[in-house]
Amino acid sequence: MINVTKTYLPPFKQYVGYLEKIWAAHRVTNNGPLVVELEEKLKRYLGVKHLFFVSNGTIALQLAIRALGLRKEIITTPFSYVASTSSIVWEGCRPKFVDIDARTLCIDEKKIERAITKDTQAILAVHVYGNPCEVATIESIASKHRLKVIYDAAHAFGVKYKGRSILNYGDISTISFHATKVFHTVEGGAVITSDDELAHRLSYMRDFGHDGTERFFGLGVNGKNTELHAAMGLCVLPKVRTFLRRRKIISDTYSRLFKKSSLRMPERNPKGTSNYAYYPVIFPSEEVMLRVREYLGKHEIVPRRYFYPSLNTLKYVKREHLLISEDISQRILCLPLYADLKLSEVRTIAQLILEQINKA
């Protein structure tokens, strides 16, 4: 079976080497030495000032919302994984959806300002498929209206915008290290900021609010991650550049094979780089997409509908009709993409898809 993704697992002996260190130190959590080592290496690799390794990308979003003291309305995109919206609702805030740009699939920055109300406190934008939002425009709007900015960079590991890490924009950026991502720690994530005061707040908020063992700075949760997860990250991180080169080859192969087809791919932001985290294709209609997905399934190929449904249609949010997001979410499919996917398999996948869309 060819799945939409395949988790990289390092050589077993390499991981066991880290486990032996954990067993010798007899320390498995509470900001142990491997967590500290991973954080330092990630800060250097990503070019960021403050980074806190947390248990997953969703708690990273929740910590960001809490650390910024948000309680009311947050402008966000309807085209993302559900955590982008559920984190807002879970933290007692209201999502205010703005439709997406039909070309890039990121939030349409030209529509943000008209959506701002007296209750708006922040913008939570997503670098969809790792494609950078128009951060300069978003931050100009935020500055004008005194809004906070959170970037959900779950898909954007290693991505740059105008030569600078995409994670350095906004008040806080969050990222996911889930097993499906370019870089992973099995489960995990991080919160990133350049602001020293926010960094202090995030550091204690992810650890129950602790100030030492017997005092507390304030309210916190258990957002920490473990030495075992950090060990996996330390094994995976040195391989990321190799993964990126291979992912680019695979993505370029797909693009070449689909060049003359009716399929459309999201446009890349020319100011940003790509980490080739996903290969999304937009079909002429939902009917064609579903037929292709079924046909691929018969050949044991499993793509995925990233992202469906459009989040403005969720039962626990105020329903708003957003034409572009709803339309794209019904027609888009992410194709298999991982470092050891064979080019012969890529060609097979493309051939099967072209057989079906040519019937339309």
Protein backbone atom coordinates (compact mmCIF):
# COMPACT_ATOMS: atom_id res chain seq x y z
CA MET A 1 0.00 0.00 0.00
CA ILE A 2 1.16 3.53 -0.82
CA ASN A 3 -0.13 5.90 1.85
CA VAL A 4 -0.37 9.68 1.63
CA THR A 5 2.65 9.82 3.93
CA LYS A 6 5.13 7.49 5.59
CA THR A 7 6.83 8.25 8.88
CA TYR A 8 10.61 8.17 8.81
CA LEU A 9 12.04 5.96 11.54
CA PRO A 10 15.80 6.16 12.15
CA PRO A 11 18.06 3.13 12.43
CA PHE A 12 16.95 1.29 15.54
CA LYS A 13 20.43 1.22 17.06
CA GLN A 14 20.68 5.01 16.74
CA TYR A 15 17.49 5.52 18.73
CA VAL A 16 18.53 2.91 21.29
CA GLY A 17 21.74 4.89 21.81
CA TYR A 18 19.65 7.79 23.07
CA LEU A 19 17.50 5.43 25.15
CA GLU A 20 20.63 4.20 26.89
CA LYS A 21 21.43 7.79 27.86
CA ILE A 22 17.90 8.20 29.24
CA TRP A 23 18.16 4.98 31.24
CA ALA A 24 21.57 6.00 32.61
CA ALA A 25 20.33 9.46 33.66
CA HIS A 26 17.04 8.01 34.93
CA ARG A 27 15.27 11.16 33.75
CA VAL A 28 12.42 10.88 31.29
CA THR A 29 10.57 14.22 31.47
CA ASN A 30 10.45 17.68 33.12
CA ASN A 31 12.78 19.49 30.73
CA GLY A 32 15.53 16.88 30.70
CA PRO A 33 18.89 17.17 28.92
CA LEU A 34 17.69 15.76 25.58
CA VAL A 35 14.77 18.21 25.47
CA VAL A 36 17.20 21.07 26.13
CA GLU A 37 19.58 19.75 23.46
CA LEU A 38 16.80 19.44 20.90
CA GLU A 39 15.50 22.94 21.61
CA GLU A 40 18.97 24.42 21.14
CA LYS A 41 19.56 22.54 17.89
CA LEU A 42 16.14 23.53 16.55
CA LYS A 43 16.75 27.19 17.39
CA ARG A 44 19.99 27.10 15.42
CA TYR A 45 18.54 25.16 12.49
CA LEU A 46 15.43 27.34 12.24
CA GLY A 47 17.11 30.64 13.07
CA VAL A 48 14.79 31.65 15.91
CA LYS A 49 15.37 33.27 19.31
CA HIS A 50 13.00 31.42 21.67
CA LEU A 51 11.58 27.94 21.04
CA PHE A 52 9.74 25.73 23.51
CA PHE A 53 9.24 22.03 22.76
CA VAL A 54 5.69 21.02 23.69
CA SER A 55 3.56 17.90 23.55
CA ASN A 56 1.85 18.66 20.22
CA GLY A 57 0.97 21.38 17.74
CA THR A 58 -2.52 21.85 19.16
CA ILE A 59 -1.33 22.65 22.68
CA ALA A 60 1.14 25.04 21.02
CA LEU A 61 -1.80 26.97 19.55
CA GLN A 62 -3.67 26.93 22.87
CA LEU A 63 -0.60 28.21 24.72
CA ALA A 64 -0.19 30.99 22.14
CA ILE A 65 -3.79 32.13 22.60
CA ARG A 66 -3.46 32.03 26.40
CA ALA A 67 -0.08 33.73 26.51
CA LEU A 68 -1.44 36.65 24.49
CA GLY A 69 -4.44 37.00 26.81
CA LEU A 70 -7.01 36.58 24.05
CA ARG A 71 -10.63 36.25 25.16
CA LYS A 72 -12.82 37.54 22.33
CA GLU A 73 -12.69 37.35 18.54
CA ILE A 74 -9.84 35.97 16.44
CA ILE A 75 -9.79 36.34 12.66
CA THR A 76 -8.69 33.12 11.00
CA THR A 77 -8.88 30.97 7.88
CA PRO A 78 -11.50 28.29 7.17
CA PHE A 79 -9.02 26.28 5.10
CA SER A 80 -6.73 24.39 7.47
CA TYR A 81 -6.63 21.39 9.75
CA VAL A 82 -9.37 21.49 12.38
CA ALA A 83 -6.94 22.35 15.22
CA SER A 84 -6.56 25.89 13.87
CA THR A 85 -10.22 26.52 14.68
CA SER A 86 -10.83 24.11 17.56
CA SER A 87 -7.99 25.68 19.57
CA ILE A 88 -9.68 29.07 19.31
CA VAL A 89 -13.03 27.70 20.46
CA TRP A 90 -11.45 25.51 23.18
CA GLU A 91 -9.81 28.60 24.67
CA GLY A 92 -13.16 30.41 24.88
CA CYS A 93 -12.61 32.72 21.89
CA ARG A 94 -14.71 33.16 18.76
CA PRO A 95 -13.30 32.45 15.30
CA LYS A 96 -14.13 35.06 12.66
CA PHE A 97 -13.52 33.47 9.29
CA VAL A 98 -12.06 35.26 6.27
CA ASP A 99 -12.10 33.48 2.93
CA ILE A 100 -8.93 32.31 1.21
CA ASP A 101 -7.01 33.43 -1.83
CA ALA A 102 -8.04 31.06 -4.65
CA ARG A 103 -4.46 30.94 -5.95
CA THR A 104 -2.37 30.36 -2.82
CA LEU A 105 -5.12 28.90 -0.56
CA CYS A 106 -3.84 31.02 2.36
CA ILE A 107 -6.08 33.56 4.07
CA ASP A 108 -6.87 36.42 1.68
CA GLU A 109 -5.10 39.34 3.30
CA LYS A 110 -7.14 41.79 1.18
CA LYS A 111 -10.32 40.69 3.00
CA ILE A 112 -9.02 40.84 6.57
CA GLU A 113 -9.51 44.52 7.33
CA ARG A 114 -13.21 44.58 6.47
CA ALA A 115 -13.77 41.63 8.86
CA ILE A 116 -12.37 43.47 11.91
CA THR A 117 -14.93 44.38 14.58
CA LYS A 118 -14.75 46.07 17.98
CA ASP A 119 -14.26 42.59 19.52
CA THR A 120 -11.39 41.52 17.28
CA GLN A 121 -8.20 40.92 19.28
CA ALA A 122 -5.98 38.91 16.95
CA ILE A 123 -5.33 37.32 13.59
CA LEU A 124 -4.47 33.63 13.45
CA ALA A 125 -3.21 32.90 9.95
CA VAL A 126 -1.99 29.58 8.57
CA HIS A 127 0.91 28.93 6.19
CA VAL A 128 -1.18 26.40 4.28
CA TYR A 129 0.84 23.42 2.98
CA GLY A 130 3.90 25.37 4.14
CA ASN A 131 3.14 28.18 1.65
CA PRO A 132 3.84 31.49 3.45
CA CYS A 133 0.99 33.92 3.99
CA GLU A 134 1.48 37.54 2.96
CA VAL A 135 2.95 38.29 6.37
CA ALA A 136 3.99 41.86 5.58
CA THR A 137 0.41 42.89 4.78
CA ILE A 138 -1.04 40.94 7.70
CA GLU A 139 1.34 42.53 10.18
CA SER A 140 0.69 45.99 8.76
CA ILE A 141 -3.05 45.49 9.31
CA ALA A 142 -2.41 44.14 12.81
CA SER A 143 -0.23 47.12 13.71
CA LYS A 144 -2.82 49.58 12.40
CA HIS A 145 -5.63 48.02 14.46
CA ARG A 146 -3.50 46.99 17.46
CA LEU A 147 -4.11 43.28 16.97
CA LYS A 148 -1.95 40.35 18.00
CA VAL A 149 -0.74 37.92 15.33
CA ILE A 150 -0.34 34.16 15.65
CA TYR A 151 0.96 32.13 12.71
CA ASP A 152 0.03 28.46 12.58
CA ALA A 153 3.17 27.16 10.89
CA ALA A 154 2.37 23.48 11.46
CA HIS A 155 3.34 22.70 7.85
CA ALA A 156 6.18 25.19 7.50
CA PHE A 157 9.25 23.60 9.08
CA GLY A 158 12.35 25.25 7.60
CA VAL A 159 10.40 27.61 5.32
CA LYS A 160 11.77 31.12 4.76
CA TYR A 161 10.12 34.37 3.71
CA LYS A 162 12.34 37.05 2.12
CA GLY A 163 15.38 35.11 3.34
CA ARG A 164 14.21 35.04 6.96
CA SER A 165 12.68 32.14 8.88
CA ILE A 166 8.90 32.23 8.52
CA LEU A 167 8.76 31.47 12.26
CA ASN A 168 10.16 34.91 13.12
CA TYR A 169 7.00 36.71 12.04
CA GLY A 170 4.05 37.60 14.25
CA ASP A 171 3.89 37.70 18.04
CA ILE A 172 4.00 33.89 18.23
CA SER A 173 4.40 31.12 15.67
CA THR A 174 3.44 27.52 16.36
CA ILE A 175 4.63 24.37 14.65
CA SER A 176 3.78 20.68 14.68
CA PHE A 177 6.23 17.81 14.98
CA HIS A 178 3.63 15.12 14.38
CA ALA A 179 4.77 11.86 12.78
CA THR A 180 3.35 12.98 9.40
CA LYS A 181 5.50 16.12 9.20
CA VAL A 182 8.79 16.83 7.40
CA PHE A 183 10.49 16.87 10.81
CA HIS A 184 8.88 14.86 13.59
CA THR A 185 9.24 13.70 17.18
CA VAL A 186 6.38 11.15 16.82
CA GLU A 187 4.12 13.56 18.70
CA GLY A 188 5.21 17.08 19.47
CA GLY A 189 5.29 20.72 18.52
CA ALA A 190 6.77 24.04 19.49
CA VAL A 191 5.89 27.64 20.28
CA ILE A 192 8.28 30.26 18.92
CA THR A 193 8.63 33.97 19.70
CA SER A 194 11.20 36.74 19.51
CA ASP A 195 9.64 38.59 22.47
CA ASP A 196 11.48 38.01 25.77
CA GLU A 197 8.42 38.69 27.94
CA LEU A 198 6.24 36.34 25.92
CA ALA A 199 8.99 33.73 26.05
CA HIS A 200 9.04 33.87 29.84
CA ARG A 201 5.25 33.51 29.95
CA LEU A 202 5.29 30.55 27.55
CA SER A 203 8.10 28.85 29.49
CA TYR A 204 6.08 28.64 32.68
CA MET A 205 2.66 28.21 31.09
CA ARG A 206 3.72 24.91 29.47
CA ASP A 207 4.85 23.63 32.91
CA PHE A 208 1.81 24.16 35.18
CA GLY A 209 2.95 27.74 35.88
CA HIS A 210 5.89 26.61 38.03
CA ASP A 211 8.46 29.00 39.49
CA GLY A 212 10.73 26.40 41.03
CA THR A 213 9.18 23.50 42.91
CA GLU A 214 7.03 25.33 45.46
CA ARG A 215 6.01 28.61 43.82
CA PHE A 216 4.07 29.57 40.70
CA PHE A 217 4.34 32.46 38.28
CA GLY A 218 0.70 31.99 37.25
CA LEU A 219 -1.74 29.70 35.50
CA GLY A 220 -0.31 26.90 33.38
CA VAL A 221 -0.97 23.50 31.88
CA ASN A 222 1.07 20.36 31.29
CA GLY A 223 2.33 21.09 27.80
CA LYS A 224 5.79 19.56 28.23
CA ASN A 225 7.25 16.80 26.11
CA THR A 226 9.46 13.88 27.08
CA GLU A 227 13.04 12.73 26.68
CA LEU A 228 11.86 9.83 24.51
CA HIS A 229 10.23 12.21 22.03
CA ALA A 230 13.25 14.51 22.08
CA ALA A 231 15.45 11.49 21.31
CA MET A 232 13.44 10.80 18.17
CA GLY A 233 13.80 14.43 17.14
CA LEU A 234 17.56 14.31 17.62
CA CYS A 235 17.69 11.27 15.34
CA VAL A 236 15.49 12.84 12.65
CA LEU A 237 16.85 16.40 12.53
CA PRO A 238 20.17 15.56 10.77
CA LYS A 239 18.19 13.90 7.95
CA VAL A 240 15.91 16.85 7.17
CA ARG A 241 18.04 18.40 4.42
CA THR A 242 18.18 15.02 2.66
CA PHE A 243 14.40 14.69 2.98
CA LEU A 244 13.88 18.15 1.49
CA ARG A 245 16.03 17.40 -1.56
CA ARG A 246 14.18 14.14 -2.18
CA ARG A 247 10.75 15.73 -1.64
CA LYS A 248 11.59 18.39 -4.21
CA ILE A 249 12.49 15.75 -6.79
CA ILE A 250 9.21 13.92 -6.18
CA SER A 251 7.14 17.13 -6.28
CA ASP A 252 8.84 18.28 -9.49
CA THR A 253 8.12 14.87 -11.04
CA TYR A 254 4.41 15.13 -10.20
CA SER A 255 4.32 18.66 -11.64
CA ARG A 256 5.98 17.59 -14.87
CA LEU A 257 3.59 14.66 -15.33
CA PHE A 258 0.51 16.83 -14.67
CA LYS A 259 1.70 19.82 -16.68
CA LYS A 260 -0.77 19.40 -19.56
CA SER A 261 -3.69 18.11 -17.48
CA SER A 262 -6.77 19.88 -16.13
CA LEU A 263 -5.40 19.60 -12.59
CA ARG A 264 -4.39 22.76 -10.78
CA MET A 265 -1.80 23.16 -8.04
CA PRO A 266 -1.75 26.01 -5.49
CA GLU A 267 0.54 28.87 -6.47
CA ARG A 268 3.67 29.27 -4.38
CA ASN A 269 4.37 32.60 -2.72
CA PRO A 270 7.36 33.89 -4.75
CA LYS A 271 8.74 35.60 -1.64
CA GLY A 272 9.01 32.30 0.22
CA THR A 273 10.78 28.96 -0.02
CA SER A 274 9.12 25.54 -0.01
CA ASN A 275 9.67 22.49 2.17
CA TYR A 276 7.56 20.29 -0.13
CA ALA A 277 5.52 19.09 2.84
CA TYR A 278 2.48 18.18 0.70
CA TYR A 279 1.52 17.73 -2.92
CA PRO A 280 -2.05 19.03 -3.23
CA VAL A 281 -3.97 18.91 -6.52
CA ILE A 282 -7.25 20.65 -7.27
CA PHE A 283 -9.63 18.71 -9.52
CA PRO A 284 -12.20 20.21 -11.91
CA SER A 285 -15.05 19.01 -9.67
CA GLU A 286 -15.73 17.06 -6.51
CA GLU A 287 -17.24 14.30 -8.62
CA VAL A 288 -13.98 13.82 -10.52
CA MET A 289 -11.92 13.99 -7.31
CA LEU A 290 -14.04 11.30 -5.62
CA ARG A 291 -13.84 9.07 -8.67
CA VAL A 292 -10.06 9.41 -8.74
CA ARG A 293 -9.78 8.71 -5.02
CA GLU A 294 -11.86 5.55 -5.36
CA TYR A 295 -9.82 4.40 -8.37
CA LEU A 296 -6.54 4.96 -6.52
CA GLY A 297 -7.92 3.05 -3.54
CA LYS A 298 -8.57 0.04 -5.75
CA HIS A 299 -4.85 0.10 -6.56
CA GLU A 300 -3.92 0.37 -2.86
CA ILE A 301 -2.96 4.03 -3.11
CA VAL A 302 -4.31 6.23 -0.33
CA PRO A 303 -4.36 10.00 -0.86
CA ARG A 304 -6.12 12.28 1.65
CA ARG A 305 -8.54 15.20 1.60
CA TYR A 306 -6.38 17.86 3.25
CA PHE A 307 -8.39 19.99 4.13
CA TYR A 308 -12.02 18.94 4.31
CA PRO A 309 -14.52 20.13 5.32
CA SER A 310 -14.14 23.89 5.19
CA LEU A 311 -13.93 24.85 8.88
CA ASN A 312 -16.66 27.48 8.69
CA THR A 313 -19.10 24.56 8.32
CA LEU A 314 -18.22 22.94 11.66
CA LYS A 315 -21.15 22.48 14.04
CA TYR A 316 -19.56 24.40 16.91
CA VAL A 317 -18.86 27.66 15.04
CA LYS A 318 -21.09 30.39 13.67
CA ARG A 319 -21.99 29.33 10.14
CA GLU A 320 -20.77 31.69 7.43
CA HIS A 321 -20.83 31.05 3.70
CA LEU A 322 -17.31 31.32 2.28
CA LEU A 323 -17.42 30.43 -1.38
CA ILE A 324 -13.77 29.87 -2.21
CA SER A 325 -12.81 27.77 0.82
CA GLU A 326 -15.93 25.61 0.56
CA ASP A 327 -15.36 25.06 -3.16
CA ILE A 328 -11.64 24.24 -2.92
CA SER A 329 -12.07 21.96 0.10
CA GLN A 330 -14.47 19.81 -1.94
CA ARG A 331 -12.10 19.44 -4.90
CA ILE A 332 -8.61 19.12 -3.40
CA LEU A 333 -6.64 15.99 -2.69
CA CYS A 334 -3.12 15.52 -1.31
CA LEU A 335 -1.15 12.83 -3.12
CA PRO A 336 1.42 10.49 -1.55
CA LEU A 337 4.67 12.29 -0.76
CA TYR A 338 7.51 11.07 1.42
CA ALA A 339 11.26 10.80 1.04
CA ASP A 340 11.51 7.15 0.01
CA LEU A 341 8.57 7.18 -2.39
CA LYS A 342 9.95 5.73 -5.63
CA LEU A 343 9.73 7.76 -8.83
CA SER A 344 8.27 4.69 -10.52
CA GLU A 345 5.46 4.83 -7.94
CA VAL A 346 4.98 8.55 -8.62
CA ARG A 347 4.60 7.80 -12.31
CA THR A 348 2.07 5.05 -11.56
CA ILE A 349 0.02 7.37 -9.35
CA ALA A 350 0.04 10.09 -12.00
CA GLN A 351 -0.89 7.66 -14.76
CA LEU A 352 -3.89 6.34 -12.79
CA ILE A 353 -5.09 9.88 -12.07
CA LEU A 354 -4.72 10.98 -15.69
CA GLU A 355 -6.68 7.91 -16.86
CA GLN A 356 -9.63 9.04 -14.75
CA ILE A 357 -9.61 12.78 -15.37
CA ASN A 358 -9.35 12.21 -19.12
CA LYS A 359 -12.70 10.39 -18.88
CA ALA A 360 -14.37 13.53 -17.57
